[in-house]
Amino acid sequence: MADTIRIYSKKAFAIGPGAMQGSDVINSFITTRGAFQDMPAAFVDDPTFKLAVAAGDIVVINKQNQRKVENQEFEDADEAEEESDPNAEKVQAYYEELKAMKTDEVEAEAEKYGAEFDKDDKLKNNKKRVLEAYKIWLTDDNTTEAEEE
């Protein structure tokens, strides 16, 4: 069993060199769409396998590396994230305001925070740029306040 890897394939693939000319040997592994399979480890370096994994069509399941994660770990990570960004609430509140803004309002906000406003671009992309500029502005504003103290 050590010579195999557990995979889940979203699509069917023929992995390996296949039939060789002048030989009766067929060296390939066929995946089944929507199935978990044990694939021989010899096919790990196959270009088709590598591309399928990179595209997300094949997922490698490694039982040895799996471990249970307690809910507490997630809660600790969320608390640490909130502590690391003191402006998270301000950004979320501004994001809610920004979602409701019309084009002319977004353009004014872009000018206010130094974001690029492209009239030919979609409104949602302009809103994203304004939000990122707002985040930078908040960070710079807090840095300036800290230096003044």
C-alpha atoms as a PDB file:
ATOM      1  CA  MET A   1       0.000   0.000   0.000  1.00  0.00           C
ATOM      2  CA  ALA A   2       3.044   2.269   0.411  1.00  0.00           C
ATOM      3  CA  ASP A   3       3.495   2.275  -3.369  1.00  0.00           C
ATOM      4  CA  THR A   4       0.164   4.012  -3.928  1.00  0.00           C
ATOM      5  CA  ILE A   5      -1.340   7.400  -3.341  1.00  0.00           C
ATOM      6  CA  ARG A   6      -4.987   8.054  -2.616  1.00  0.00           C
ATOM      7  CA  ILE A   7      -6.580  10.442  -5.119  1.00  0.00           C
ATOM      8  CA  TYR A   8      -9.984  11.856  -5.917  1.00  0.00           C
ATOM      9  CA  SER A   9     -10.570  12.532  -9.594  1.00  0.00           C
ATOM     10  CA  LYS A  10     -13.209  14.960 -10.804  1.00  0.00           C
ATOM     11  CA  LYS A  11     -12.661  13.833 -14.428  1.00  0.00           C
ATOM     12  CA  ALA A  12     -11.440  10.711 -16.208  1.00  0.00           C
ATOM     13  CA  PHE A  13      -7.768  10.690 -17.232  1.00  0.00           C
ATOM     14  CA  ALA A  14      -5.333   8.218 -18.761  1.00  0.00           C
ATOM     15  CA  ILE A  15      -2.140   8.763 -16.799  1.00  0.00           C
ATOM     16  CA  GLY A  16       1.136   7.264 -17.950  1.00  0.00           C
ATOM     17  CA  PRO A  17       2.824   6.600 -21.282  1.00  0.00           C
ATOM     18  CA  GLY A  18       0.162   4.103 -22.399  1.00  0.00           C
ATOM     19  CA  ALA A  19       0.907   1.473 -25.037  1.00  0.00           C
ATOM     20  CA  MET A  20       4.473   1.192 -26.274  1.00  0.00           C
ATOM     21  CA  GLN A  21       5.163   0.463 -29.924  1.00  0.00           C
ATOM     22  CA  GLY A  22       6.504  -3.048 -30.411  1.00  0.00           C
ATOM     23  CA  SER A  23       5.369  -4.229 -26.980  1.00  0.00           C
ATOM     24  CA  ASP A  24       2.243  -5.832 -25.545  1.00  0.00           C
ATOM     25  CA  VAL A  25       2.641  -3.925 -22.274  1.00  0.00           C
ATOM     26  CA  ILE A  26       0.259  -1.029 -21.600  1.00  0.00           C
ATOM     27  CA  ASN A  27       1.624   1.188 -18.842  1.00  0.00           C
ATOM     28  CA  SER A  28      -1.165   3.511 -17.747  1.00  0.00           C
ATOM     29  CA  PHE A  29      -3.577   4.293 -14.952  1.00  0.00           C
ATOM     30  CA  ILE A  30      -7.137   5.275 -15.804  1.00  0.00           C
ATOM     31  CA  THR A  31      -8.989   7.502 -13.342  1.00  0.00           C
ATOM     32  CA  THR A  32     -12.731   7.293 -12.893  1.00  0.00           C
ATOM     33  CA  ARG A  33     -14.727  10.512 -12.807  1.00  0.00           C
ATOM     34  CA  GLY A  34     -16.039  11.330  -9.332  1.00  0.00           C
ATOM     35  CA  ALA A  35     -14.214   8.500  -7.558  1.00  0.00           C
ATOM     36  CA  PHE A  36     -11.566   7.930  -4.921  1.00  0.00           C
ATOM     37  CA  GLN A  37      -8.787   5.627  -6.136  1.00  0.00           C
ATOM     38  CA  ASP A  38      -5.394   4.290  -5.096  1.00  0.00           C
ATOM     39  CA  MET A  39      -2.983   5.277  -7.858  1.00  0.00           C
ATOM     40  CA  PRO A  40       0.468   3.678  -8.154  1.00  0.00           C
ATOM     41  CA  ALA A  41       3.110   6.152  -6.948  1.00  0.00           C
ATOM     42  CA  ALA A  42       5.093   5.531 -10.146  1.00  0.00           C
ATOM     43  CA  PHE A  43       2.728   7.887 -11.999  1.00  0.00           C
ATOM     44  CA  VAL A  44       3.289  10.895  -9.713  1.00  0.00           C
ATOM     45  CA  ASP A  45       5.792  12.503 -12.101  1.00  0.00           C
ATOM     46  CA  ASP A  46       3.582  12.037 -15.177  1.00  0.00           C
ATOM     47  CA  PRO A  47       2.885  15.348 -16.976  1.00  0.00           C
ATOM     48  CA  THR A  48      -0.844  14.612 -17.304  1.00  0.00           C
ATOM     49  CA  PHE A  49      -1.101  13.914 -13.576  1.00  0.00           C
ATOM     50  CA  LYS A  50       0.795  17.088 -12.667  1.00  0.00           C
ATOM     51  CA  LEU A  51      -1.401  19.243 -14.920  1.00  0.00           C
ATOM     52  CA  ALA A  52      -4.606  17.659 -13.596  1.00  0.00           C
ATOM     53  CA  VAL A  53      -3.513  18.312  -9.994  1.00  0.00           C
ATOM     54  CA  ALA A  54      -2.549  21.915 -10.836  1.00  0.00           C
ATOM     55  CA  ALA A  55      -5.949  22.451 -12.504  1.00  0.00           C
ATOM     56  CA  GLY A  56      -7.756  20.982  -9.504  1.00  0.00           C
ATOM     57  CA  ASP A  57      -9.231  18.077 -11.475  1.00  0.00           C
ATOM     58  CA  ILE A  58      -7.338  15.563  -9.334  1.00  0.00           C
ATOM     59  CA  VAL A  59      -7.004  15.995  -5.582  1.00  0.00           C
ATOM     60  CA  VAL A  60      -4.296  14.064  -3.756  1.00  0.00           C
ATOM     61  CA  ILE A  61      -5.517  12.653  -0.455  1.00  0.00           C
ATOM     62  CA  ASN A  62      -2.689  11.905   1.950  1.00  0.00           C
ATOM     63  CA  LYS A  63      -4.038  10.002   4.943  1.00  0.00           C
ATOM     64  CA  GLN A  64      -0.785  10.288   6.873  1.00  0.00           C
ATOM     65  CA  ASN A  65      -0.854  14.082   6.924  1.00  0.00           C
ATOM     66  CA  GLN A  66      -4.508  14.463   7.881  1.00  0.00           C
ATOM     67  CA  ARG A  67      -5.261  15.494  11.429  1.00  0.00           C
ATOM     68  CA  LYS A  68      -8.300  16.591  13.330  1.00  0.00           C
ATOM     69  CA  VAL A  69      -8.561  20.275  14.002  1.00  0.00           C
ATOM     70  CA  GLU A  70     -10.419  21.415  17.057  1.00  0.00           C
ATOM     71  CA  ASN A  71     -12.897  24.289  16.822  1.00  0.00           C
ATOM     72  CA  GLN A  72     -10.828  26.118  19.420  1.00  0.00           C
ATOM     73  CA  GLU A  73      -7.968  26.472  16.937  1.00  0.00           C
ATOM     74  CA  PHE A  74     -10.269  28.245  14.495  1.00  0.00           C
ATOM     75  CA  GLU A  75     -11.590  30.537  17.220  1.00  0.00           C
ATOM     76  CA  ASP A  76      -8.036  31.400  18.285  1.00  0.00           C
ATOM     77  CA  ALA A  77      -7.105  32.188  14.665  1.00  0.00           C
ATOM     78  CA  ASP A  78     -10.141  34.464  14.275  1.00  0.00           C
ATOM     79  CA  GLU A  79      -9.310  36.324  17.488  1.00  0.00           C
ATOM     80  CA  ALA A  80      -5.677  36.728  16.437  1.00  0.00           C
ATOM     81  CA  GLU A  81      -6.768  38.083  13.053  1.00  0.00           C
ATOM     82  CA  GLU A  82      -9.078  40.623  14.685  1.00  0.00           C
ATOM     83  CA  GLU A  83      -6.332  41.705  17.076  1.00  0.00           C
ATOM     84  CA  SER A  84      -3.818  42.101  14.257  1.00  0.00           C
ATOM     85  CA  ASP A  85      -6.071  44.521  12.310  1.00  0.00           C
ATOM     86  CA  PRO A  86      -7.417  47.282  14.549  1.00  0.00           C
ATOM     87  CA  ASN A  87      -9.202  48.889  11.572  1.00  0.00           C
ATOM     88  CA  ALA A  88     -11.237  45.805  10.622  1.00  0.00           C
ATOM     89  CA  GLU A  89     -14.507  47.231  11.945  1.00  0.00           C
ATOM     90  CA  LYS A  90     -13.964  50.586  10.213  1.00  0.00           C
ATOM     91  CA  VAL A  91     -13.149  48.850   6.926  1.00  0.00           C
ATOM     92  CA  GLN A  92     -16.243  46.628   7.176  1.00  0.00           C
ATOM     93  CA  ALA A  93     -18.476  49.627   7.919  1.00  0.00           C
ATOM     94  CA  TYR A  94     -16.997  51.590   5.001  1.00  0.00           C
ATOM     95  CA  TYR A  95     -17.405  48.552   2.745  1.00  0.00           C
ATOM     96  CA  GLU A  96     -21.120  48.432   3.566  1.00  0.00           C
ATOM     97  CA  GLU A  97     -21.450  52.141   2.716  1.00  0.00           C
ATOM     98  CA  LEU A  98     -19.444  51.723  -0.475  1.00  0.00           C
ATOM     99  CA  LYS A  99     -21.645  48.873  -1.724  1.00  0.00           C
ATOM    100  CA  ALA A 100     -24.657  51.201  -1.828  1.00  0.00           C
ATOM    101  CA  MET A 101     -22.887  54.091  -3.576  1.00  0.00           C
ATOM    102  CA  LYS A 102     -23.652  55.163  -7.134  1.00  0.00           C
ATOM    103  CA  THR A 103     -21.046  55.937  -9.793  1.00  0.00           C
ATOM    104  CA  ASP A 104     -20.691  59.662  -9.056  1.00  0.00           C
ATOM    105  CA  GLU A 105     -20.347  58.983  -5.312  1.00  0.00           C
ATOM    106  CA  VAL A 106     -17.689  56.335  -5.932  1.00  0.00           C
ATOM    107  CA  GLU A 107     -15.816  58.755  -8.177  1.00  0.00           C
ATOM    108  CA  ALA A 108     -15.825  61.377  -5.393  1.00  0.00           C
ATOM    109  CA  GLU A 109     -14.578  58.793  -2.877  1.00  0.00           C
ATOM    110  CA  ALA A 110     -11.836  57.723  -5.293  1.00  0.00           C
ATOM    111  CA  GLU A 111     -10.650  61.315  -5.526  1.00  0.00           C
ATOM    112  CA  LYS A 112     -10.841  61.709  -1.732  1.00  0.00           C
ATOM    113  CA  TYR A 113      -8.669  58.636  -1.017  1.00  0.00           C
ATOM    114  CA  GLY A 114      -6.379  58.876  -4.037  1.00  0.00           C
ATOM    115  CA  ALA A 115      -7.700  55.855  -5.925  1.00  0.00           C
ATOM    116  CA  GLU A 116      -7.801  55.613  -9.691  1.00  0.00           C
ATOM    117  CA  PHE A 117     -11.343  55.912 -11.087  1.00  0.00           C
ATOM    118  CA  ASP A 118     -11.730  54.450 -14.570  1.00  0.00           C
ATOM    119  CA  LYS A 119     -15.002  55.443 -16.236  1.00  0.00           C
ATOM    120  CA  ASP A 120     -14.609  52.615 -18.766  1.00  0.00           C
ATOM    121  CA  ASP A 121     -14.236  49.972 -16.042  1.00  0.00           C
ATOM    122  CA  LYS A 122     -17.044  48.236 -14.159  1.00  0.00           C
ATOM    123  CA  LEU A 123     -18.360  49.996 -11.066  1.00  0.00           C
ATOM    124  CA  LYS A 124     -17.509  47.044  -8.818  1.00  0.00           C
ATOM    125  CA  ASN A 125     -13.839  47.236  -9.897  1.00  0.00           C
ATOM    126  CA  ASN A 126     -13.769  50.953  -9.110  1.00  0.00           C
ATOM    127  CA  LYS A 127     -15.304  50.196  -5.703  1.00  0.00           C
ATOM    128  CA  LYS A 128     -12.572  47.621  -5.042  1.00  0.00           C
ATOM    129  CA  ARG A 129      -9.888  50.186  -5.822  1.00  0.00           C
ATOM    130  CA  VAL A 130     -11.551  52.745  -3.552  1.00  0.00           C
ATOM    131  CA  LEU A 131     -11.780  50.200  -0.718  1.00  0.00           C
ATOM    132  CA  GLU A 132      -8.077  49.329  -1.049  1.00  0.00           C
ATOM    133  CA  ALA A 133      -7.196  53.030  -1.092  1.00  0.00           C
ATOM    134  CA  TYR A 134      -9.338  53.515   2.021  1.00  0.00           C
ATOM    135  CA  LYS A 135      -7.451  50.704   3.797  1.00  0.00           C
ATOM    136  CA  ILE A 136      -4.133  52.341   2.930  1.00  0.00           C
ATOM    137  CA  TRP A 137      -5.446  55.723   4.011  1.00  0.00           C
ATOM    138  CA  LEU A 138      -6.523  54.255   7.370  1.00  0.00           C
ATOM    139  CA  THR A 139      -3.112  52.669   7.895  1.00  0.00           C
ATOM    140  CA  ASP A 140      -1.291  55.882   6.980  1.00  0.00           C
ATOM    141  CA  ASP A 141      -3.670  57.912   9.137  1.00  0.00           C
ATOM    142  CA  ASN A 142      -3.037  55.679  12.172  1.00  0.00           C
ATOM    143  CA  THR A 143       0.728  55.784  11.577  1.00  0.00           C
ATOM    144  CA  THR A 144       0.631  59.582  11.503  1.00  0.00           C
ATOM    145  CA  GLU A 145      -1.404  59.694  14.735  1.00  0.00           C
ATOM    146  CA  ALA A 146       1.064  57.347  16.452  1.00  0.00           C
ATOM    147  CA  GLU A 147       4.028  59.499  15.352  1.00  0.00           C
ATOM    148  CA  GLU A 148       2.339  62.645  16.702  1.00  0.00           C
ATOM    149  CA  GLU A 149       1.907  61.086  20.163  1.00  0.00           C
END
